[in-house]
Amino acid sequence: MYYGDYYDEDYEPTQEQMEEQDGIDNTEVKMEKENLKIEFNTENFAAGIMQAVESEVKKNLYGEIVSEIKRETLEDIKEKIQCATGDIIKDIVQDFMVNEKICIGGSNV
């Protein structure tokens, strides 16, 4: 079986995959008796950390901003509903008092 049969010429790795492969290529691991020695390219390592931190900060900021907007919007809507409800009830009561006749006893006035 020839593995070249499965090679996709249009395949293009993502930036993350290229950086990961670059990190693997620039990392050397040696086992010397009881010591494990790892050498890696600090430039790529630092870039990876910065990218991860940037991504996490963006995600958290987005969540915080959306949460704050929702909270303020819901408070504003709640306040408007309370005001509107009071006005509606007031109008209904005034309309009833002005337009309805109240009969006491057997009088048809």
C-alpha atoms as a PDB file:
ATOM      1  CA  MET A   1       0.000   0.000   0.000  1.00  0.00           C
ATOM      2  CA  TYR A   2       1.390   3.371  -1.008  1.00  0.00           C
ATOM      3  CA  TYR A   3       0.683   6.196   1.422  1.00  0.00           C
ATOM      4  CA  GLY A   4       1.113   8.773  -1.334  1.00  0.00           C
ATOM      5  CA  ASP A   5      -2.313   7.715  -2.608  1.00  0.00           C
ATOM      6  CA  TYR A   6      -3.855   9.538   0.352  1.00  0.00           C
ATOM      7  CA  TYR A   7      -1.865  12.764  -0.052  1.00  0.00           C
ATOM      8  CA  ASP A   8      -4.094  15.749  -0.741  1.00  0.00           C
ATOM      9  CA  GLU A   9      -2.249  18.326  -2.852  1.00  0.00           C
ATOM     10  CA  ASP A  10      -4.772  21.035  -1.927  1.00  0.00           C
ATOM     11  CA  TYR A  11      -4.225  20.547   1.811  1.00  0.00           C
ATOM     12  CA  GLU A  12      -2.947  23.657   3.507  1.00  0.00           C
ATOM     13  CA  PRO A  13      -2.166  23.516   7.237  1.00  0.00           C
ATOM     14  CA  THR A  14      -3.553  26.150   9.583  1.00  0.00           C
ATOM     15  CA  GLN A  15      -1.314  28.751  11.207  1.00  0.00           C
ATOM     16  CA  GLU A  16      -1.576  26.846  14.489  1.00  0.00           C
ATOM     17  CA  GLN A  17      -0.542  23.574  12.835  1.00  0.00           C
ATOM     18  CA  MET A  18       2.445  25.256  11.160  1.00  0.00           C
ATOM     19  CA  GLU A  19       3.534  26.821  14.462  1.00  0.00           C
ATOM     20  CA  GLU A  20       3.151  23.486  16.239  1.00  0.00           C
ATOM     21  CA  GLN A  21       5.246  21.722  13.603  1.00  0.00           C
ATOM     22  CA  ASP A  22       7.825  24.516  13.757  1.00  0.00           C
ATOM     23  CA  GLY A  23       7.965  24.090  17.530  1.00  0.00           C
ATOM     24  CA  ILE A  24       8.430  20.332  17.142  1.00  0.00           C
ATOM     25  CA  ASP A  25      11.159  20.852  14.559  1.00  0.00           C
ATOM     26  CA  ASN A  26      12.951  23.352  16.817  1.00  0.00           C
ATOM     27  CA  THR A  27      12.716  21.198  19.937  1.00  0.00           C
ATOM     28  CA  GLU A  28      15.354  18.674  20.860  1.00  0.00           C
ATOM     29  CA  VAL A  29      14.883  16.118  23.618  1.00  0.00           C
ATOM     30  CA  LYS A  30      17.783  14.101  24.997  1.00  0.00           C
ATOM     31  CA  MET A  31      17.749  11.514  27.741  1.00  0.00           C
ATOM     32  CA  GLU A  32      21.087  11.346  29.500  1.00  0.00           C
ATOM     33  CA  LYS A  33      21.178   8.745  32.241  1.00  0.00           C
ATOM     34  CA  GLU A  34      18.929  10.239  34.925  1.00  0.00           C
ATOM     35  CA  ASN A  35      18.506  13.653  33.320  1.00  0.00           C
ATOM     36  CA  LEU A  36      16.047  14.718  30.685  1.00  0.00           C
ATOM     37  CA  LYS A  37      17.326  17.604  28.617  1.00  0.00           C
ATOM     38  CA  ILE A  38      14.885  19.615  26.472  1.00  0.00           C
ATOM     39  CA  GLU A  39      15.963  22.453  24.210  1.00  0.00           C
ATOM     40  CA  PHE A  40      13.468  24.593  22.340  1.00  0.00           C
ATOM     41  CA  ASN A  41      13.353  27.792  20.331  1.00  0.00           C
ATOM     42  CA  THR A  42      12.238  30.471  22.796  1.00  0.00           C
ATOM     43  CA  GLU A  43      11.085  32.871  20.062  1.00  0.00           C
ATOM     44  CA  ASN A  44       8.367  30.458  18.902  1.00  0.00           C
ATOM     45  CA  PHE A  45       7.612  29.491  22.489  1.00  0.00           C
ATOM     46  CA  ALA A  46       7.052  33.130  23.484  1.00  0.00           C
ATOM     47  CA  ALA A  47       4.934  33.774  20.388  1.00  0.00           C
ATOM     48  CA  GLY A  48       2.765  30.782  21.259  1.00  0.00           C
ATOM     49  CA  ILE A  49       2.257  31.999  24.832  1.00  0.00           C
ATOM     50  CA  MET A  50       1.406  35.507  23.636  1.00  0.00           C
ATOM     51  CA  GLN A  51      -1.108  34.161  21.120  1.00  0.00           C
ATOM     52  CA  ALA A  52      -2.751  31.927  23.742  1.00  0.00           C
ATOM     53  CA  VAL A  53      -2.976  34.801  26.254  1.00  0.00           C
ATOM     54  CA  GLU A  54      -4.376  37.158  23.606  1.00  0.00           C
ATOM     55  CA  SER A  55      -7.016  34.628  22.615  1.00  0.00           C
ATOM     56  CA  GLU A  56      -8.047  34.015  26.242  1.00  0.00           C
ATOM     57  CA  VAL A  57      -8.213  37.746  27.050  1.00  0.00           C
ATOM     58  CA  LYS A  58     -10.355  38.425  23.973  1.00  0.00           C
ATOM     59  CA  LYS A  59     -12.726  35.601  24.889  1.00  0.00           C
ATOM     60  CA  ASN A  60     -13.078  36.781  28.502  1.00  0.00           C
ATOM     61  CA  LEU A  61     -13.492  40.453  27.543  1.00  0.00           C
ATOM     62  CA  TYR A  62     -16.179  39.544  25.022  1.00  0.00           C
ATOM     63  CA  GLY A  63     -18.045  37.590  27.699  1.00  0.00           C
ATOM     64  CA  GLU A  64     -17.785  40.425  30.208  1.00  0.00           C
ATOM     65  CA  ILE A  65     -18.924  43.061  27.695  1.00  0.00           C
ATOM     66  CA  VAL A  66     -21.917  41.003  26.561  1.00  0.00           C
ATOM     67  CA  SER A  67     -22.871  40.280  30.171  1.00  0.00           C
ATOM     68  CA  GLU A  68     -22.722  43.985  31.105  1.00  0.00           C
ATOM     69  CA  ILE A  69     -24.769  45.047  28.072  1.00  0.00           C
ATOM     70  CA  LYS A  70     -27.405  42.397  28.842  1.00  0.00           C
ATOM     71  CA  ARG A  71     -27.612  43.478  32.486  1.00  0.00           C
ATOM     72  CA  GLU A  72     -28.007  47.184  31.652  1.00  0.00           C
ATOM     73  CA  THR A  73     -30.495  46.503  28.862  1.00  0.00           C
ATOM     74  CA  LEU A  74     -32.639  44.220  31.024  1.00  0.00           C
ATOM     75  CA  GLU A  75     -32.669  46.760  33.871  1.00  0.00           C
ATOM     76  CA  ASP A  76     -33.746  49.494  31.439  1.00  0.00           C
ATOM     77  CA  ILE A  77     -36.509  47.308  29.955  1.00  0.00           C
ATOM     78  CA  LYS A  78     -37.711  46.314  33.438  1.00  0.00           C
ATOM     79  CA  GLU A  79     -37.926  49.976  34.497  1.00  0.00           C
ATOM     80  CA  LYS A  80     -39.844  50.925  31.332  1.00  0.00           C
ATOM     81  CA  ILE A  81     -42.294  48.053  31.825  1.00  0.00           C
ATOM     82  CA  GLN A  82     -42.946  49.115  35.417  1.00  0.00           C
ATOM     83  CA  CYS A  83     -43.610  52.724  34.341  1.00  0.00           C
ATOM     84  CA  ALA A  84     -45.824  51.658  31.440  1.00  0.00           C
ATOM     85  CA  THR A  85     -47.803  49.265  33.650  1.00  0.00           C
ATOM     86  CA  GLY A  86     -48.480  52.020  36.183  1.00  0.00           C
ATOM     87  CA  ASP A  87     -49.670  54.381  33.436  1.00  0.00           C
ATOM     88  CA  ILE A  88     -51.929  51.719  31.909  1.00  0.00           C
ATOM     89  CA  ILE A  89     -53.550  50.880  35.258  1.00  0.00           C
ATOM     90  CA  LYS A  90     -54.011  54.584  36.026  1.00  0.00           C
ATOM     91  CA  ASP A  91     -55.725  55.131  32.640  1.00  0.00           C
ATOM     92  CA  ILE A  92     -58.031  52.125  33.176  1.00  0.00           C
ATOM     93  CA  VAL A  93     -59.075  53.329  36.628  1.00  0.00           C
ATOM     94  CA  GLN A  94     -59.690  56.911  35.400  1.00  0.00           C
ATOM     95  CA  ASP A  95     -61.704  55.653  32.425  1.00  0.00           C
ATOM     96  CA  PHE A  96     -63.795  53.478  34.721  1.00  0.00           C
ATOM     97  CA  MET A  97     -64.448  56.333  37.165  1.00  0.00           C
ATOM     98  CA  VAL A  98     -65.427  58.783  34.392  1.00  0.00           C
ATOM     99  CA  ASN A  99     -67.509  56.508  32.161  1.00  0.00           C
ATOM    100  CA  GLU A 100     -69.155  53.987  34.486  1.00  0.00           C
ATOM    101  CA  LYS A 101     -72.329  54.665  36.432  1.00  0.00           C
ATOM    102  CA  ILE A 102     -72.485  53.227  39.882  1.00  0.00           C
ATOM    103  CA  CYS A 103     -75.944  52.349  41.114  1.00  0.00           C
ATOM    104  CA  ILE A 104     -76.594  52.164  44.822  1.00  0.00           C
ATOM    105  CA  GLY A 105     -79.828  50.599  45.952  1.00  0.00           C
ATOM    106  CA  GLY A 106     -82.698  50.353  43.472  1.00  0.00           C
ATOM    107  CA  SER A 107     -82.194  53.719  41.826  1.00  0.00           C
ATOM    108  CA  ASN A 108     -81.761  53.933  38.031  1.00  0.00           C
ATOM    109  CA  VAL A 109     -79.952  57.222  37.868  1.00  0.00           C
END
